[in-house]
Amino acid sequence: MENRRLTPVNLDSYKPLRELVLDAIREAIINGNLKPRERLMEIQLAEELGVSRTPIREALRKLELEGFIVMIPRKGAYVADISFKDITDVYEIRAALEGLAAGLAAERITNEELDELERCLVGKAEAIANNDMDKLVDVDTRFHELIYQASRNERLSNIINNLREQIQRCRATSLSVPGRMKQSLYEHRAIVEALQARDANLARQLSHEHIENAENIMMESLKKEGLPR
């Protein structure tokens, strides 16, 4: 952590300090600014975020429970590895749930939600053109959240949201693979067209394939990096 990779927290935010610190470290892990197996030193994290060590310690305990870090006795905290099994588990669940959500959304989505999905496509294209990964991840996340919302099944949305952090970690990694951003945009457009046509079967199929494609591309990329199985 010789170079600053964490942005100092905004102390004027309405959120409690411990939540700001937790969000900042979690986001750095999801975005890859803090790498798997990297040691996390409390004093360095505190200096970069501009806070004391107490909220850092609290955040690390919470992140351990979420599976983002591991605590090794007498050695300290390290960013957790993400294995092939971890990725497969998340994507298997996500493909099934997103397919279900899209199928339901095709029958229940409003015109206003369809319009917002169209705006997401425009925003995603702009982010790709500007190579703005942060915006791309935000727009991609919003796109999928709109489909969950349009399913009108609150329990389904809650189940998917319980996987949110694991999904975000995989999403950022997948979208960073060369060529995946444009392919993802193409797949999103096809899903929107199926929703506009109110074709539940096609929307379900395309959403399932979209998640499978993201998994396959990500797995091939990570195999080249020697990801632990």
Protein backbone atom coordinates (compact mmCIF):
# COMPACT_ATOMS: atom_id res chain seq x y z
CA MET A 1 0.00 0.00 0.00
CA GLU A 2 2.82 2.39 -0.84
CA ASN A 3 0.58 4.38 -3.18
CA ARG A 4 -2.68 5.84 -1.98
CA ARG A 5 -5.52 3.66 -3.21
CA LEU A 6 -8.20 4.67 -0.74
CA THR A 7 -9.99 8.01 -0.83
CA PRO A 8 -10.28 9.79 2.53
CA VAL A 9 -13.80 9.40 3.91
CA ASN A 10 -16.24 12.30 3.68
CA LEU A 11 -16.78 13.27 7.29
CA ASP A 12 -19.73 15.48 6.29
CA SER A 13 -21.70 12.43 5.14
CA TYR A 14 -24.89 11.52 6.98
CA LYS A 15 -23.60 7.96 7.44
CA PRO A 16 -21.86 6.90 10.68
CA LEU A 17 -18.08 6.89 10.43
CA ARG A 18 -17.83 3.12 10.87
CA GLU A 19 -20.10 2.60 7.83
CA LEU A 20 -18.08 5.03 5.72
CA VAL A 21 -14.87 3.20 6.57
CA LEU A 22 -16.48 -0.20 5.95
CA ASP A 23 -17.82 0.92 2.56
CA ALA A 24 -14.46 2.41 1.51
CA ILE A 25 -12.43 -0.72 2.28
CA ARG A 26 -15.04 -3.06 0.82
CA GLU A 27 -15.20 -1.02 -2.39
CA ALA A 28 -11.41 -1.05 -2.69
CA ILE A 29 -11.46 -4.85 -2.48
CA ILE A 30 -14.33 -5.16 -4.97
CA ASN A 31 -12.63 -2.81 -7.45
CA GLY A 32 -9.31 -4.56 -7.10
CA ASN A 33 -7.45 -1.65 -5.53
CA LEU A 34 -6.72 -3.99 -2.63
CA LYS A 35 -5.55 -7.30 -4.09
CA PRO A 36 -6.24 -10.88 -2.97
CA ARG A 37 -3.70 -12.02 -0.32
CA GLU A 38 -2.61 -8.43 0.33
CA ARG A 39 -1.95 -7.68 3.98
CA LEU A 40 -4.09 -4.94 5.49
CA MET A 41 -2.27 -2.80 8.02
CA GLU A 42 -4.56 -0.89 10.35
CA ILE A 43 -2.28 2.13 10.66
CA GLN A 44 -1.85 2.48 6.89
CA LEU A 45 -5.58 2.14 6.24
CA ALA A 46 -6.26 4.73 8.94
CA GLU A 47 -3.78 7.17 7.38
CA GLU A 48 -5.22 6.78 3.88
CA LEU A 49 -8.82 7.18 5.03
CA GLY A 50 -8.00 9.98 7.48
CA VAL A 51 -9.50 8.25 10.51
CA SER A 52 -8.37 6.59 13.72
CA ARG A 53 -7.62 2.88 14.00
CA THR A 54 -10.82 2.11 15.93
CA PRO A 55 -13.28 2.26 12.97
CA ILE A 56 -10.67 0.42 10.87
CA ARG A 57 -10.62 -2.42 13.38
CA GLU A 58 -14.44 -2.54 13.43
CA ALA A 59 -14.59 -2.58 9.63
CA LEU A 60 -12.07 -5.43 9.37
CA ARG A 61 -14.13 -7.55 11.77
CA LYS A 62 -17.26 -6.97 9.68
CA LEU A 63 -15.42 -7.68 6.42
CA GLU A 64 -14.17 -10.96 7.88
CA LEU A 65 -17.78 -11.99 8.55
CA GLU A 66 -18.69 -11.03 4.96
CA GLY A 67 -15.85 -13.15 3.60
CA PHE A 68 -13.81 -10.30 2.13
CA ILE A 69 -10.83 -10.71 4.43
CA VAL A 70 -9.27 -13.44 6.55
CA MET A 71 -7.67 -12.96 9.95
CA ILE A 72 -4.55 -15.06 10.48
CA PRO A 73 -3.38 -15.48 14.10
CA ARG A 74 -0.15 -13.60 14.84
CA LYS A 75 -0.01 -12.35 11.24
CA GLY A 76 -2.97 -10.01 10.82
CA ALA A 77 -5.65 -9.30 8.22
CA TYR A 78 -5.39 -10.23 4.55
CA VAL A 79 -7.68 -9.72 1.57
CA ALA A 80 -9.38 -13.07 0.97
CA ASP A 81 -8.68 -15.12 -2.12
CA ILE A 82 -11.62 -15.75 -4.41
CA SER A 83 -11.61 -19.33 -5.70
CA PHE A 84 -13.17 -21.03 -8.71
CA LYS A 85 -15.66 -22.64 -6.33
CA ASP A 86 -16.64 -19.27 -4.86
CA ILE A 87 -17.23 -17.83 -8.32
CA THR A 88 -19.16 -20.87 -9.57
CA ASP A 89 -21.42 -20.85 -6.49
CA VAL A 90 -22.29 -17.17 -6.90
CA TYR A 91 -22.90 -17.37 -10.62
CA GLU A 92 -25.01 -20.53 -10.42
CA ILE A 93 -27.35 -18.84 -7.97
CA ARG A 94 -27.32 -15.55 -9.82
CA ALA A 95 -28.10 -17.09 -13.24
CA ALA A 96 -31.15 -18.85 -11.85
CA LEU A 97 -32.45 -15.85 -9.92
CA GLU A 98 -31.81 -13.29 -12.66
CA GLY A 99 -33.52 -15.51 -15.21
CA LEU A 100 -36.53 -15.76 -12.93
CA ALA A 101 -36.55 -12.01 -12.27
CA ALA A 102 -36.39 -11.17 -16.00
CA GLY A 103 -39.20 -13.59 -16.82
CA LEU A 104 -41.43 -12.01 -14.21
CA ALA A 105 -40.38 -8.49 -15.24
CA ALA A 106 -41.45 -9.15 -18.83
CA GLU A 107 -44.99 -9.56 -17.54
CA ARG A 108 -44.97 -6.77 -14.94
CA ILE A 109 -42.54 -4.02 -15.98
CA THR A 110 -43.89 -0.49 -16.42
CA ASN A 111 -43.23 1.84 -19.34
CA GLU A 112 -41.34 4.14 -16.99
CA GLU A 113 -39.02 1.31 -15.96
CA LEU A 114 -38.46 0.40 -19.60
CA ASP A 115 -37.51 4.02 -20.26
CA GLU A 116 -35.03 3.93 -17.40
CA LEU A 117 -33.50 0.71 -18.74
CA GLU A 118 -33.01 2.51 -22.06
CA ARG A 119 -31.24 5.32 -20.20
CA CYS A 120 -29.00 2.71 -18.58
CA LEU A 121 -28.02 1.47 -22.03
CA VAL A 122 -27.07 5.01 -23.04
CA GLY A 123 -25.11 5.52 -19.82
CA LYS A 124 -23.31 2.22 -20.27
CA ALA A 125 -22.32 3.10 -23.85
CA GLU A 126 -20.96 6.45 -22.63
CA ALA A 127 -18.99 4.79 -19.83
CA ILE A 128 -17.47 2.33 -22.32
CA ALA A 129 -16.54 5.14 -24.71
CA ASN A 130 -14.85 7.04 -21.87
CA ASN A 131 -13.32 3.90 -20.35
CA ASP A 132 -14.94 4.93 -17.05
CA MET A 133 -14.98 1.69 -15.05
CA ASP A 134 -16.56 3.22 -11.94
CA LYS A 135 -19.52 4.57 -13.91
CA LEU A 136 -19.78 1.34 -15.87
CA VAL A 137 -20.11 -0.74 -12.71
CA ASP A 138 -22.67 1.72 -11.29
CA VAL A 139 -24.81 1.67 -14.44
CA ASP A 140 -24.53 -2.10 -14.77
CA THR A 141 -25.65 -2.49 -11.16
CA ARG A 142 -28.59 -0.15 -11.70
CA PHE A 143 -29.66 -2.05 -14.82
CA HIS A 144 -29.97 -5.31 -12.93
CA GLU A 145 -31.61 -3.67 -9.92
CA LEU A 146 -34.32 -2.27 -12.20
CA ILE A 147 -35.12 -5.76 -13.44
CA TYR A 148 -35.32 -7.07 -9.86
CA GLN A 149 -37.66 -4.19 -9.05
CA ALA A 150 -39.79 -4.84 -12.13
CA SER A 151 -40.26 -8.48 -11.14
CA ARG A 152 -42.58 -7.20 -8.39
CA ASN A 153 -41.35 -10.02 -6.16
CA GLU A 154 -39.87 -8.51 -3.02
CA ARG A 155 -38.64 -11.81 -1.63
CA LEU A 156 -36.73 -12.52 -4.83
CA SER A 157 -35.15 -9.07 -4.70
CA ASN A 158 -34.12 -9.61 -1.09
CA ILE A 159 -32.48 -12.95 -1.88
CA ILE A 160 -30.48 -11.40 -4.72
CA ASN A 161 -29.52 -8.42 -2.55
CA ASN A 162 -28.12 -10.80 0.06
CA LEU A 163 -25.53 -11.73 -2.57
CA ARG A 164 -24.93 -8.11 -3.53
CA GLU A 165 -21.37 -7.73 -2.26
CA GLN A 166 -20.18 -11.03 -3.73
CA ILE A 167 -21.89 -10.13 -7.02
CA GLN A 168 -20.21 -6.71 -7.06
CA ARG A 169 -16.79 -8.24 -6.57
CA CYS A 170 -17.37 -10.60 -9.49
CA ARG A 171 -19.02 -7.88 -11.62
CA ALA A 172 -16.07 -5.50 -11.41
CA THR A 173 -13.62 -8.28 -12.28
CA SER A 174 -15.73 -9.59 -15.18
CA LEU A 175 -16.27 -6.19 -16.78
CA SER A 176 -12.55 -5.44 -16.68
CA VAL A 177 -11.80 -8.38 -19.02
CA PRO A 178 -10.95 -7.00 -22.51
CA GLY A 179 -13.97 -7.07 -24.80
CA ARG A 180 -16.48 -7.91 -22.08
CA MET A 181 -17.82 -4.36 -21.70
CA LYS A 182 -19.10 -4.14 -25.28
CA GLN A 183 -20.41 -7.70 -25.27
CA SER A 184 -22.27 -7.01 -22.03
CA LEU A 185 -23.88 -3.92 -23.56
CA TYR A 186 -25.04 -5.98 -26.56
CA GLU A 187 -26.55 -8.59 -24.20
CA HIS A 188 -28.29 -5.90 -22.16
CA ARG A 189 -29.86 -4.45 -25.30
CA ALA A 190 -31.23 -7.87 -26.26
CA ILE A 191 -32.72 -8.28 -22.76
CA VAL A 192 -34.42 -4.87 -22.97
CA GLU A 193 -35.89 -5.75 -26.36
CA ALA A 194 -37.32 -8.98 -24.92
CA LEU A 195 -38.82 -7.04 -22.01
CA GLN A 196 -40.32 -4.50 -24.38
CA ALA A 197 -41.88 -7.36 -26.37
CA ARG A 198 -43.23 -8.81 -23.10
CA ASP A 199 -41.61 -12.12 -24.04
CA ALA A 200 -41.08 -13.80 -20.69
CA ASN A 201 -39.40 -16.95 -22.04
CA LEU A 202 -36.91 -15.01 -24.14
CA ALA A 203 -36.15 -12.53 -21.35
CA ARG A 204 -35.52 -15.45 -18.97
CA GLN A 205 -33.27 -17.22 -21.47
CA LEU A 206 -31.26 -14.11 -22.39
CA SER A 207 -30.71 -13.12 -18.75
CA HIS A 208 -29.55 -16.62 -17.86
CA GLU A 209 -27.15 -16.65 -20.83
CA HIS A 210 -25.90 -13.17 -19.93
CA ILE A 211 -24.80 -14.35 -16.49
CA GLU A 212 -23.31 -17.56 -17.88
CA ASN A 213 -21.29 -15.55 -20.42
CA ALA A 214 -19.96 -13.28 -17.67
CA GLU A 215 -18.93 -16.33 -15.64
CA ASN A 216 -17.22 -18.06 -18.57
CA ILE A 217 -15.24 -14.97 -19.56
CA MET A 218 -14.22 -14.27 -16.00
CA MET A 219 -13.16 -17.87 -15.36
CA GLU A 220 -10.98 -17.97 -18.48
CA SER A 221 -9.31 -14.73 -17.45
CA LEU A 222 -8.67 -15.87 -13.90
CA LYS A 223 -7.28 -19.23 -15.01
CA LYS A 224 -4.52 -17.30 -16.76
CA GLU A 225 -3.74 -15.56 -13.47
CA GLY A 226 -3.44 -18.85 -11.61
CA LEU A 227 -6.50 -18.40 -9.41
CA PRO A 228 -6.67 -21.07 -6.68
CA ARG A 229 -9.22 -23.81 -7.37
